[in-house]
Amino acid sequence: MAKNRTIIHLECKGCGMKNYSKRVSKKRVYGKLGLSKYCSKCRKHSDHKETK
């Protein structure tokens, strides 16, 4: 595992469930990551936002 990476969790905006995790660089300068992913609780694709 690289030392310049950290693990973030992606949380569904609809239901608040933390479904996914991702390794990202610590040197990022932009804001929180937001992706459209499938939520098994909502049973649809929805926006997921970064949490720590």
Protein backbone atom coordinates (compact mmCIF):
# COMPACT_ATOMS: atom_id res chain seq x y z
CA MET A 1 0.00 0.00 0.00
CA ALA A 2 1.34 3.39 -0.97
CA LYS A 3 2.06 5.88 1.80
CA ASN A 4 0.65 8.85 -0.10
CA ARG A 5 -2.87 7.34 -0.31
CA THR A 6 -5.75 7.45 2.14
CA ILE A 7 -9.02 5.51 2.23
CA ILE A 8 -12.28 7.43 1.89
CA HIS A 9 -15.83 6.12 2.11
CA LEU A 10 -18.66 7.08 -0.23
CA GLU A 11 -22.06 7.70 1.37
CA CYS A 12 -25.39 7.69 -0.46
CA LYS A 13 -27.11 11.08 -0.37
CA GLY A 14 -30.56 9.48 -0.39
CA CYS A 15 -30.41 7.02 2.49
CA GLY A 16 -27.03 7.76 4.15
CA MET A 17 -25.65 4.23 3.74
CA LYS A 18 -21.86 3.92 3.32
CA ASN A 19 -21.59 1.55 0.36
CA TYR A 20 -18.18 2.05 -1.22
CA SER A 21 -14.58 2.78 -0.25
CA LYS A 22 -11.82 4.16 -2.42
CA ARG A 23 -8.10 4.96 -2.14
CA VAL A 24 -7.23 8.53 -3.11
CA SER A 25 -4.10 10.67 -3.07
CA LYS A 26 -3.45 12.83 -0.01
CA LYS A 27 -2.22 15.62 -2.30
CA ARG A 28 -5.68 16.40 -3.73
CA VAL A 29 -6.49 20.12 -3.79
CA TYR A 30 -10.14 20.02 -4.86
CA GLY A 31 -13.19 19.46 -2.65
CA LYS A 32 -15.01 16.30 -1.72
CA LEU A 33 -15.41 13.57 -4.31
CA GLY A 34 -18.90 12.94 -5.66
CA LEU A 35 -19.80 9.99 -7.90
CA SER A 36 -22.95 8.36 -9.22
CA LYS A 37 -22.99 4.79 -7.90
CA TYR A 38 -25.54 2.02 -7.34
CA CYS A 39 -27.07 1.90 -3.86
CA SER A 40 -28.35 -1.54 -2.85
CA LYS A 41 -30.65 -0.08 -0.18
CA CYS A 42 -32.30 2.45 -2.55
CA ARG A 43 -32.08 -0.04 -5.46
CA LYS A 44 -31.06 2.66 -7.95
CA HIS A 45 -28.13 4.77 -9.07
CA SER A 46 -27.75 7.83 -6.87
CA ASP A 47 -25.13 10.41 -5.98
CA HIS A 48 -22.56 9.34 -3.42
CA LYS A 49 -20.39 11.86 -1.57
CA GLU A 50 -17.04 11.43 0.19
CA THR A 51 -16.88 10.91 3.96
CA LYS A 52 -13.87 9.98 6.06
